[in-house]
């Protein structure tokens, strides 16, 4: 995924399905300088992680 698309999804009121390594995730924060996003798995919100934005997939 590109940075601009991740940013648009984060700012949108609509629910857009995003996955990371096959798991559905919610984008909490985006770090443009580092090209990363802080996400958590929808099935386990306690499992937060920073991932490369380019590894996120829109479904």
C-alpha atoms as a PDB file:
ATOM      1  CA  UNK A   1       0.000   0.000   0.000  1.00  0.00           C
ATOM      2  CA  UNK A   2       1.180   3.536  -0.647  1.00  0.00           C
ATOM      3  CA  UNK A   3       1.459   6.157   2.099  1.00  0.00           C
ATOM      4  CA  UNK A   4      -1.265   8.406   0.650  1.00  0.00           C
ATOM      5  CA  UNK A   5      -3.775   5.539   0.514  1.00  0.00           C
ATOM      6  CA  UNK A   6      -2.996   4.474   4.088  1.00  0.00           C
ATOM      7  CA  UNK A   7      -3.483   8.078   5.214  1.00  0.00           C
ATOM      8  CA  UNK A   8      -6.818   8.319   3.357  1.00  0.00           C
ATOM      9  CA  UNK A   9      -8.037   5.075   4.959  1.00  0.00           C
ATOM     10  CA  UNK A  10      -7.019   6.295   8.410  1.00  0.00           C
ATOM     11  CA  UNK A  11      -8.858   9.604   7.951  1.00  0.00           C
ATOM     12  CA  UNK A  12     -11.979   8.079   6.380  1.00  0.00           C
ATOM     13  CA  UNK A  13     -15.213   7.488   8.266  1.00  0.00           C
ATOM     14  CA  UNK A  14     -15.808   4.419   6.084  1.00  0.00           C
ATOM     15  CA  UNK A  15     -14.604   1.007   7.163  1.00  0.00           C
ATOM     16  CA  UNK A  16     -12.020  -0.256   4.676  1.00  0.00           C
ATOM     17  CA  UNK A  17     -10.636  -3.767   5.064  1.00  0.00           C
ATOM     18  CA  UNK A  18      -6.860  -3.713   5.502  1.00  0.00           C
ATOM     19  CA  UNK A  19      -4.712  -6.775   6.082  1.00  0.00           C
ATOM     20  CA  UNK A  20      -1.174  -7.431   7.212  1.00  0.00           C
ATOM     21  CA  UNK A  21       0.232 -10.898   6.562  1.00  0.00           C
ATOM     22  CA  UNK A  22      -3.286 -12.235   6.054  1.00  0.00           C
ATOM     23  CA  UNK A  23      -4.787 -10.809   9.260  1.00  0.00           C
ATOM     24  CA  UNK A  24      -7.304  -7.964   9.310  1.00  0.00           C
ATOM     25  CA  UNK A  25      -5.838  -4.915  11.034  1.00  0.00           C
ATOM     26  CA  UNK A  26      -6.838  -1.427  12.119  1.00  0.00           C
ATOM     27  CA  UNK A  27      -4.468   1.457  11.368  1.00  0.00           C
ATOM     28  CA  UNK A  28      -3.920   3.509  14.528  1.00  0.00           C
ATOM     29  CA  UNK A  29      -1.117   5.846  13.481  1.00  0.00           C
ATOM     30  CA  UNK A  30       0.963   6.568  10.430  1.00  0.00           C
ATOM     31  CA  UNK A  31       4.595   7.665  10.561  1.00  0.00           C
ATOM     32  CA  UNK A  32       5.408   9.261   7.231  1.00  0.00           C
ATOM     33  CA  UNK A  33       9.094   9.827   8.001  1.00  0.00           C
ATOM     34  CA  UNK A  34       9.733   6.156   8.744  1.00  0.00           C
ATOM     35  CA  UNK A  35       7.183   4.761   6.283  1.00  0.00           C
ATOM     36  CA  UNK A  36       5.506   2.753   9.029  1.00  0.00           C
ATOM     37  CA  UNK A  37       2.048   2.354  10.513  1.00  0.00           C
ATOM     38  CA  UNK A  38       1.053   1.320  13.998  1.00  0.00           C
ATOM     39  CA  UNK A  39      -1.650  -1.317  13.633  1.00  0.00           C
ATOM     40  CA  UNK A  40      -3.481  -3.851  15.725  1.00  0.00           C
ATOM     41  CA  UNK A  41      -5.133  -7.088  14.744  1.00  0.00           C
ATOM     42  CA  UNK A  42      -8.931  -6.868  14.794  1.00  0.00           C
ATOM     43  CA  UNK A  43      -9.153 -10.283  16.460  1.00  0.00           C
ATOM     44  CA  UNK A  44      -6.629  -9.255  19.154  1.00  0.00           C
ATOM     45  CA  UNK A  45      -6.525  -5.476  19.814  1.00  0.00           C
ATOM     46  CA  UNK A  46      -3.862  -5.957  22.490  1.00  0.00           C
ATOM     47  CA  UNK A  47      -1.434  -7.086  19.760  1.00  0.00           C
ATOM     48  CA  UNK A  48      -0.136  -3.754  18.461  1.00  0.00           C
ATOM     49  CA  UNK A  49       2.837  -3.511  16.147  1.00  0.00           C
ATOM     50  CA  UNK A  50       4.651  -1.143  13.834  1.00  0.00           C
ATOM     51  CA  UNK A  51       4.811  -2.359  10.252  1.00  0.00           C
ATOM     52  CA  UNK A  52       6.020  -1.018   6.921  1.00  0.00           C
ATOM     53  CA  UNK A  53       3.132   0.705   5.134  1.00  0.00           C
ATOM     54  CA  UNK A  54       4.097  -1.044   1.917  1.00  0.00           C
ATOM     55  CA  UNK A  55       3.298  -4.408   3.583  1.00  0.00           C
ATOM     56  CA  UNK A  56      -0.336  -3.436   4.214  1.00  0.00           C
ATOM     57  CA  UNK A  57      -2.917  -4.696   1.728  1.00  0.00           C
ATOM     58  CA  UNK A  58      -6.317  -3.234   0.975  1.00  0.00           C
ATOM     59  CA  UNK A  59      -8.989  -5.848   0.393  1.00  0.00           C
END
